[in-house]
Amino acid sequence: MGPGAEKKIRKCAVREGKSLNRFLIDLIEVNVMGKGEGKPREFNDLDELIGSLNKDDVKAIEQSVRKQRKTDPELWK
């Protein structure tokens, strides 16, 4: 992380009255884990695709996702 980013993060932590660690944990929880403010994180980056795919495209995507969701036993030894 560059010194400019670190300085900005420290300023934000001070502004919110939090320790640097608490601020970073909260930042990660909200932006990565979708926590905060009592509502789930909303994803809308694929909204343009809704209704634009044909059946073959949908099948191809579903197959790809299914493959990605399989657990690799070698990784869980």
PDB file of N, CA and C in Angstrom:
ATOM      1  N   MET A   1       0.855  -1.169   0.000  1.00  0.00           N
ATOM      2  CA  MET A   1       0.000   0.000   0.000  1.00  0.00           C
ATOM      3  C   MET A   1       0.901   1.233   0.000  1.00  0.00           C
ATOM      4  N   GLY A   2       0.539   2.169  -0.810  1.00  0.00           N
ATOM      5  CA  GLY A   2       1.321   3.392  -0.885  1.00  0.00           C
ATOM      6  C   GLY A   2       1.087   4.293   0.316  1.00  0.00           C
ATOM      7  N   PRO A   3       2.029   5.208   0.571  1.00  0.00           N
ATOM      8  CA  PRO A   3       1.901   6.099   1.733  1.00  0.00           C
ATOM      9  C   PRO A   3       0.665   6.996   1.652  1.00  0.00           C
ATOM     10  N   GLY A   4       0.262   7.375   0.450  1.00  0.00           N
ATOM     11  CA  GLY A   4      -0.932   8.210   0.304  1.00  0.00           C
ATOM     12  C   GLY A   4      -2.186   7.488   0.748  1.00  0.00           C
ATOM     13  N   ALA A   5      -2.292   6.217   0.371  1.00  0.00           N
ATOM     14  CA  ALA A   5      -3.460   5.423   0.756  1.00  0.00           C
ATOM     15  C   ALA A   5      -3.490   5.210   2.263  1.00  0.00           C
ATOM     16  N   GLU A   6      -2.332   4.901   2.824  1.00  0.00           N
ATOM     17  CA  GLU A   6      -2.266   4.678   4.275  1.00  0.00           C
ATOM     18  C   GLU A   6      -2.677   5.938   5.028  1.00  0.00           C
ATOM     19  N   LYS A   7      -2.197   7.082   4.569  1.00  0.00           N
ATOM     20  CA  LYS A   7      -2.522   8.349   5.232  1.00  0.00           C
ATOM     21  C   LYS A   7      -4.030   8.613   5.172  1.00  0.00           C
ATOM     22  N   LYS A   8      -4.614   8.354   4.022  1.00  0.00           N
ATOM     23  CA  LYS A   8      -6.053   8.579   3.865  1.00  0.00           C
ATOM     24  C   LYS A   8      -6.863   7.637   4.756  1.00  0.00           C
ATOM     25  N   ILE A   9      -6.450   6.379   4.832  1.00  0.00           N
ATOM     26  CA  ILE A   9      -7.140   5.407   5.684  1.00  0.00           C
ATOM     27  C   ILE A   9      -7.052   5.821   7.145  1.00  0.00           C
ATOM     28  N   ARG A  10      -5.873   6.262   7.568  1.00  0.00           N
ATOM     29  CA  ARG A  10      -5.712   6.716   8.957  1.00  0.00           C
ATOM     30  C   ARG A  10      -6.614   7.918   9.250  1.00  0.00           C
ATOM     31  N   LYS A  11      -6.711   8.851   8.304  1.00  0.00           N
ATOM     32  CA  LYS A  11      -7.574  10.024   8.489  1.00  0.00           C
ATOM     33  C   LYS A  11      -9.038   9.601   8.632  1.00  0.00           C
ATOM     34  N   CYS A  12      -9.456   8.656   7.811  1.00  0.00           N
ATOM     35  CA  CYS A  12     -10.839   8.168   7.882  1.00  0.00           C
ATOM     36  C   CYS A  12     -11.121   7.513   9.233  1.00  0.00           C
ATOM     37  N   ALA A  13     -10.164   6.737   9.723  1.00  0.00           N
ATOM     38  CA  ALA A  13     -10.328   6.071  11.018  1.00  0.00           C
ATOM     39  C   ALA A  13     -10.479   7.101  12.131  1.00  0.00           C
ATOM     40  N   VAL A  14      -9.640   8.125  12.092  1.00  0.00           N
ATOM     41  CA  VAL A  14      -9.708   9.183  13.106  1.00  0.00           C
ATOM     42  C   VAL A  14     -11.049   9.911  13.005  1.00  0.00           C
ATOM     43  N   ARG A  15     -11.463  10.225  11.790  1.00  0.00           N
ATOM     44  CA  ARG A  15     -12.725  10.943  11.582  1.00  0.00           C
ATOM     45  C   ARG A  15     -13.910  10.158  12.147  1.00  0.00           C
ATOM     46  N   GLU A  16     -13.861   8.827  12.044  1.00  0.00           N
ATOM     47  CA  GLU A  16     -14.941   7.991  12.572  1.00  0.00           C
ATOM     48  C   GLU A  16     -14.738   7.619  14.038  1.00  0.00           C
ATOM     49  N   GLY A  17     -13.632   8.069  14.626  1.00  0.00           N
ATOM     50  CA  GLY A  17     -13.374   7.785  16.033  1.00  0.00           C
ATOM     51  C   GLY A  17     -13.058   6.334  16.312  1.00  0.00           C
ATOM     52  N   LYS A  18     -12.412   5.673  15.349  1.00  0.00           N
ATOM     53  CA  LYS A  18     -12.095   4.255  15.487  1.00  0.00           C
ATOM     54  C   LYS A  18     -10.592   4.047  15.433  1.00  0.00           C
ATOM     55  N   SER A  19     -10.171   2.929  16.019  1.00  0.00           N
ATOM     56  CA  SER A  19      -8.773   2.541  15.856  1.00  0.00           C
ATOM     57  C   SER A  19      -8.574   2.141  14.397  1.00  0.00           C
ATOM     58  N   LEU A  20      -7.340   2.133  13.958  1.00  0.00           N
ATOM     59  CA  LEU A  20      -7.042   1.738  12.585  1.00  0.00           C
ATOM     60  C   LEU A  20      -7.523   0.312  12.322  1.00  0.00           C
ATOM     61  N   ASN A  21      -7.254  -0.586  13.270  1.00  0.00           N
ATOM     62  CA  ASN A  21      -7.689  -1.979  13.112  1.00  0.00           C
ATOM     63  C   ASN A  21      -9.209  -2.091  13.019  1.00  0.00           C
ATOM     64  N   ARG A  22      -9.929  -1.407  13.912  1.00  0.00           N
ATOM     65  CA  ARG A  22     -11.397  -1.469  13.899  1.00  0.00           C
ATOM     66  C   ARG A  22     -11.942  -0.910  12.591  1.00  0.00           C
ATOM     67  N   PHE A  23     -11.360   0.196  12.138  1.00  0.00           N
ATOM     68  CA  PHE A  23     -11.806   0.809  10.891  1.00  0.00           C
ATOM     69  C   PHE A  23     -11.616  -0.146   9.716  1.00  0.00           C
ATOM     70  N   LEU A  24     -10.451  -0.797   9.642  1.00  0.00           N
ATOM     71  CA  LEU A  24     -10.169  -1.724   8.542  1.00  0.00           C
ATOM     72  C   LEU A  24     -11.077  -2.951   8.591  1.00  0.00           C
ATOM     73  N   ILE A  25     -11.323  -3.467   9.791  1.00  0.00           N
ATOM     74  CA  ILE A  25     -12.228  -4.617   9.927  1.00  0.00           C
ATOM     75  C   ILE A  25     -13.628  -4.235   9.459  1.00  0.00           C
ATOM     76  N   ASP A  26     -14.113  -3.076   9.890  1.00  0.00           N
ATOM     77  CA  ASP A  26     -15.440  -2.617   9.469  1.00  0.00           C
ATOM     78  C   ASP A  26     -15.495  -2.412   7.957  1.00  0.00           C
ATOM     79  N   LEU A  27     -14.450  -1.847   7.404  1.00  0.00           N
ATOM     80  CA  LEU A  27     -14.378  -1.607   5.965  1.00  0.00           C
ATOM     81  C   LEU A  27     -14.455  -2.914   5.184  1.00  0.00           C
ATOM     82  N   ILE A  28     -13.721  -3.901   5.645  1.00  0.00           N
ATOM     83  CA  ILE A  28     -13.736  -5.214   4.991  1.00  0.00           C
ATOM     84  C   ILE A  28     -15.108  -5.864   5.134  1.00  0.00           C
ATOM     85  N   GLU A  29     -15.679  -5.810   6.328  1.00  0.00           N
ATOM     86  CA  GLU A  29     -16.987  -6.437   6.542  1.00  0.00           C
ATOM     87  C   GLU A  29     -18.062  -5.819   5.658  1.00  0.00           C
ATOM     88  N   VAL A  30     -18.039  -4.515   5.500  1.00  0.00           N
ATOM     89  CA  VAL A  30     -19.059  -3.848   4.694  1.00  0.00           C
ATOM     90  C   VAL A  30     -18.831  -4.075   3.206  1.00  0.00           C
ATOM     91  N   ASN A  31     -17.585  -3.929   2.758  1.00  0.00           N
ATOM     92  CA  ASN A  31     -17.308  -3.963   1.323  1.00  0.00           C
ATOM     93  C   ASN A  31     -17.029  -5.343   0.756  1.00  0.00           C
ATOM     94  N   VAL A  32     -16.597  -6.256   1.577  1.00  0.00           N
ATOM     95  CA  VAL A  32     -16.298  -7.598   1.081  1.00  0.00           C
ATOM     96  C   VAL A  32     -17.358  -8.590   1.537  1.00  0.00           C
ATOM     97  N   MET A  33     -17.736  -8.505   2.792  1.00  0.00           N
ATOM     98  CA  MET A  33     -18.671  -9.472   3.350  1.00  0.00           C
ATOM     99  C   MET A  33     -20.130  -9.035   3.197  1.00  0.00           C
ATOM    100  N   GLY A  34     -20.369  -7.794   2.810  1.00  0.00           N
ATOM    101  CA  GLY A  34     -21.731  -7.328   2.617  1.00  0.00           C
ATOM    102  C   GLY A  34     -22.469  -7.018   3.900  1.00  0.00           C
ATOM    103  N   LYS A  35     -21.737  -6.829   4.991  1.00  0.00           N
ATOM    104  CA  LYS A  35     -22.384  -6.547   6.272  1.00  0.00           C
ATOM    105  C   LYS A  35     -22.540  -5.040   6.445  1.00  0.00           C
ATOM    106  N   GLY A  36     -23.422  -4.675   7.332  1.00  0.00           N
ATOM    107  CA  GLY A  36     -23.548  -3.277   7.701  1.00  0.00           C
ATOM    108  C   GLY A  36     -24.921  -2.716   7.399  1.00  0.00           C
ATOM    109  N   GLU A  37     -25.321  -1.797   8.204  1.00  0.00           N
ATOM    110  CA  GLU A  37     -26.555  -1.052   8.050  1.00  0.00           C
ATOM    111  C   GLU A  37     -27.791  -1.934   7.927  1.00  0.00           C
ATOM    112  N   GLY A  38     -27.703  -3.168   8.417  1.00  0.00           N
ATOM    113  CA  GLY A  38     -28.864  -4.029   8.502  1.00  0.00           C
ATOM    114  C   GLY A  38     -29.446  -4.528   7.195  1.00  0.00           C
ATOM    115  N   LYS A  39     -28.778  -4.287   6.077  1.00  0.00           N
ATOM    116  CA  LYS A  39     -29.316  -4.792   4.818  1.00  0.00           C
ATOM    117  C   LYS A  39     -28.211  -5.476   4.024  1.00  0.00           C
ATOM    118  N   PRO A  40     -28.573  -6.477   3.251  1.00  0.00           N
ATOM    119  CA  PRO A  40     -27.558  -7.190   2.474  1.00  0.00           C
ATOM    120  C   PRO A  40     -27.002  -6.310   1.360  1.00  0.00           C
ATOM    121  N   ARG A  41     -25.794  -6.602   0.966  1.00  0.00           N
ATOM    122  CA  ARG A  41     -25.149  -5.860  -0.105  1.00  0.00           C
ATOM    123  C   ARG A  41     -25.870  -6.157  -1.420  1.00  0.00           C
ATOM    124  N   GLU A  42     -26.097  -5.125  -2.204  1.00  0.00           N
ATOM    125  CA  GLU A  42     -26.795  -5.288  -3.475  1.00  0.00           C
ATOM    126  C   GLU A  42     -25.786  -5.319  -4.617  1.00  0.00           C
ATOM    127  N   PHE A  43     -25.909  -6.312  -5.464  1.00  0.00           N
ATOM    128  CA  PHE A  43     -25.052  -6.423  -6.632  1.00  0.00           C
ATOM    129  C   PHE A  43     -25.899  -6.126  -7.863  1.00  0.00           C
ATOM    130  N   ASN A  44     -25.453  -5.189  -8.681  1.00  0.00           N
ATOM    131  CA  ASN A  44     -26.210  -4.854  -9.885  1.00  0.00           C
ATOM    132  C   ASN A  44     -25.318  -4.782 -11.124  1.00  0.00           C
ATOM    133  N   ASP A  45     -24.140  -5.369 -11.052  1.00  0.00           N
ATOM    134  CA  ASP A  45     -23.192  -5.280 -12.155  1.00  0.00           C
ATOM    135  C   ASP A  45     -23.588  -6.107 -13.375  1.00  0.00           C
ATOM    136  N   LEU A  46     -24.534  -7.015 -13.238  1.00  0.00           N
ATOM    137  CA  LEU A  46     -24.962  -7.842 -14.368  1.00  0.00           C
ATOM    138  C   LEU A  46     -26.390  -7.521 -14.816  1.00  0.00           C
ATOM    139  N   ASP A  47     -26.934  -6.435 -14.316  1.00  0.00           N
ATOM    140  CA  ASP A  47     -28.321  -6.086 -14.625  1.00  0.00           C
ATOM    141  C   ASP A  47     -28.575  -5.936 -16.126  1.00  0.00           C
ATOM    142  N   GLU A  48     -27.592  -5.444 -16.871  1.00  0.00           N
ATOM    143  CA  GLU A  48     -27.765  -5.237 -18.311  1.00  0.00           C
ATOM    144  C   GLU A  48     -28.028  -6.549 -19.051  1.00  0.00           C
ATOM    145  N   LEU A  49     -27.558  -7.667 -18.478  1.00  0.00           N
ATOM    146  CA  LEU A  49     -27.714  -8.956 -19.143  1.00  0.00           C
ATOM    147  C   LEU A  49     -29.095  -9.578 -18.968  1.00  0.00           C
ATOM    148  N   ILE A  50     -29.828  -9.123 -17.976  1.00  0.00           N
ATOM    149  CA  ILE A  50     -31.125  -9.730 -17.688  1.00  0.00           C
ATOM    150  C   ILE A  50     -32.025  -9.639 -18.920  1.00  0.00           C
ATOM    151  N   GLY A  51     -32.492 -10.798 -19.365  1.00  0.00           N
ATOM    152  CA  GLY A  51     -33.379 -10.856 -20.510  1.00  0.00           C
ATOM    153  C   GLY A  51     -32.688 -10.810 -21.860  1.00  0.00           C
ATOM    154  N   SER A  52     -31.372 -10.670 -21.885  1.00  0.00           N
ATOM    155  CA  SER A  52     -30.672 -10.552 -23.168  1.00  0.00           C
ATOM    156  C   SER A  52     -30.019 -11.856 -23.619  1.00  0.00           C
ATOM    157  N   LEU A  53     -30.030 -12.874 -22.774  1.00  0.00           N
ATOM    158  CA  LEU A  53     -29.369 -14.128 -23.119  1.00  0.00           C
ATOM    159  C   LEU A  53     -30.351 -15.112 -23.745  1.00  0.00           C
ATOM    160  N   ASN A  54     -29.865 -15.859 -24.730  1.00  0.00           N
ATOM    161  CA  ASN A  54     -30.715 -16.903 -25.294  1.00  0.00           C
ATOM    162  C   ASN A  54     -30.537 -18.182 -24.473  1.00  0.00           C
ATOM    163  N   LYS A  55     -31.330 -19.190 -24.757  1.00  0.00           N
ATOM    164  CA  LYS A  55     -31.313 -20.420 -23.952  1.00  0.00           C
ATOM    165  C   LYS A  55     -29.958 -21.121 -23.982  1.00  0.00           C
ATOM    166  N   ASP A  56     -29.284 -21.093 -25.128  1.00  0.00           N
ATOM    167  CA  ASP A  56     -27.967 -21.735 -25.224  1.00  0.00           C
ATOM    168  C   ASP A  56     -26.941 -21.033 -24.337  1.00  0.00           C
ATOM    169  N   ASP A  57     -27.004 -19.688 -24.313  1.00  0.00           N
ATOM    170  CA  ASP A  57     -26.093 -18.927 -23.455  1.00  0.00           C
ATOM    171  C   ASP A  57     -26.336 -19.252 -21.986  1.00  0.00           C
ATOM    172  N   VAL A  58     -27.605 -19.325 -21.617  1.00  0.00           N
ATOM    173  CA  VAL A  58     -27.966 -19.632 -20.228  1.00  0.00           C
ATOM    174  C   VAL A  58     -27.439 -21.007 -19.838  1.00  0.00           C
ATOM    175  N   LYS A  59     -27.618 -21.996 -20.712  1.00  0.00           N
ATOM    176  CA  LYS A  59     -27.124 -23.348 -20.424  1.00  0.00           C
ATOM    177  C   LYS A  59     -25.611 -23.349 -20.255  1.00  0.00           C
ATOM    178  N   ALA A  60     -24.904 -22.629 -21.117  1.00  0.00           N
ATOM    179  CA  ALA A  60     -23.440 -22.574 -21.035  1.00  0.00           C
ATOM    180  C   ALA A  60     -22.990 -21.944 -19.723  1.00  0.00           C
ATOM    181  N   ILE A  61     -23.653 -20.881 -19.317  1.00  0.00           N
ATOM    182  CA  ILE A  61     -23.306 -20.221 -18.054  1.00  0.00           C
ATOM    183  C   ILE A  61     -23.601 -21.146 -16.881  1.00  0.00           C
ATOM    184  N   GLU A  62     -24.752 -21.800 -16.893  1.00  0.00           N
ATOM    185  CA  GLU A  62     -25.109 -22.707 -15.801  1.00  0.00           C
ATOM    186  C   GLU A  62     -24.119 -23.861 -15.693  1.00  0.00           C
ATOM    187  N   GLN A  63     -23.673 -24.404 -16.822  1.00  0.00           N
ATOM    188  CA  GLN A  63     -22.678 -25.478 -16.794  1.00  0.00           C
ATOM    189  C   GLN A  63     -21.367 -24.982 -16.199  1.00  0.00           C
ATOM    190  N   SER A  64     -20.957 -23.798 -16.598  1.00  0.00           N
ATOM    191  CA  SER A  64     -19.709 -23.231 -16.091  1.00  0.00           C
ATOM    192  C   SER A  64     -19.779 -23.015 -14.581  1.00  0.00           C
ATOM    193  N   VAL A  65     -20.893 -22.477 -14.121  1.00  0.00           N
ATOM    194  CA  VAL A  65     -21.067 -22.227 -12.689  1.00  0.00           C
ATOM    195  C   VAL A  65     -21.095 -23.545 -11.923  1.00  0.00           C
ATOM    196  N   ARG A  66     -21.767 -24.541 -12.466  1.00  0.00           N
ATOM    197  CA  ARG A  66     -21.833 -25.853 -11.812  1.00  0.00           C
ATOM    198  C   ARG A  66     -20.431 -26.431 -11.639  1.00  0.00           C
ATOM    199  N   LYS A  67     -19.600 -26.321 -12.658  1.00  0.00           N
ATOM    200  CA  LYS A  67     -18.223 -26.820 -12.579  1.00  0.00           C
ATOM    201  C   LYS A  67     -17.436 -26.082 -11.500  1.00  0.00           C
ATOM    202  N   GLN A  68     -17.648 -24.772 -11.408  1.00  0.00           N
ATOM    203  CA  GLN A  68     -16.918 -23.963 -10.435  1.00  0.00           C
ATOM    204  C   GLN A  68     -17.333 -24.261  -9.001  1.00  0.00           C
ATOM    205  N   ARG A  69     -18.521 -24.740  -8.809  1.00  0.00           N
ATOM    206  CA  ARG A  69     -19.030 -25.006  -7.459  1.00  0.00           C
ATOM    207  C   ARG A  69     -18.650 -26.372  -6.924  1.00  0.00           C
ATOM    208  N   LYS A  70     -18.018 -27.192  -7.746  1.00  0.00           N
ATOM    209  CA  LYS A  70     -17.592 -28.515  -7.285  1.00  0.00           C
ATOM    210  C   LYS A  70     -16.382 -28.367  -6.371  1.00  0.00           C
ATOM    211  N   THR A  71     -16.393 -29.116  -5.296  1.00  0.00           N
ATOM    212  CA  THR A  71     -15.283 -29.095  -4.354  1.00  0.00           C
ATOM    213  C   THR A  71     -14.159 -29.972  -4.874  1.00  0.00           C
ATOM    214  N   ASP A  72     -12.959 -29.424  -4.860  1.00  0.00           N
ATOM    215  CA  ASP A  72     -11.777 -30.185  -5.269  1.00  0.00           C
ATOM    216  C   ASP A  72     -11.261 -30.925  -4.042  1.00  0.00           C
ATOM    217  N   PRO A  73     -11.399 -32.260  -3.999  1.00  0.00           N
ATOM    218  CA  PRO A  73     -10.983 -33.028  -2.818  1.00  0.00           C
ATOM    219  C   PRO A  73      -9.506 -32.834  -2.472  1.00  0.00           C
ATOM    220  N   GLU A  74      -8.687 -32.551  -3.460  1.00  0.00           N
ATOM    221  CA  GLU A  74      -7.253 -32.352  -3.211  1.00  0.00           C
ATOM    222  C   GLU A  74      -6.992 -31.108  -2.362  1.00  0.00           C
ATOM    223  N   LEU A  75      -7.861 -30.128  -2.471  1.00  0.00           N
ATOM    224  CA  LEU A  75      -7.691 -28.894  -1.703  1.00  0.00           C
ATOM    225  C   LEU A  75      -8.155 -29.033  -0.257  1.00  0.00           C
ATOM    226  N   TRP A  76      -8.878 -30.104   0.055  1.00  0.00           N
ATOM    227  CA  TRP A  76      -9.459 -30.266   1.384  1.00  0.00           C
ATOM    228  C   TRP A  76      -8.883 -31.452   2.140  1.00  0.00           C
ATOM    229  N   LYS A  77      -7.640 -31.776   1.865  1.00  0.00           N
ATOM    230  CA  LYS A  77      -6.991 -32.869   2.599  1.00  0.00           C
ATOM    231  C   LYS A  77      -6.386 -32.358   3.871  1.00  0.00           C
TER     232      LYS A  77
END
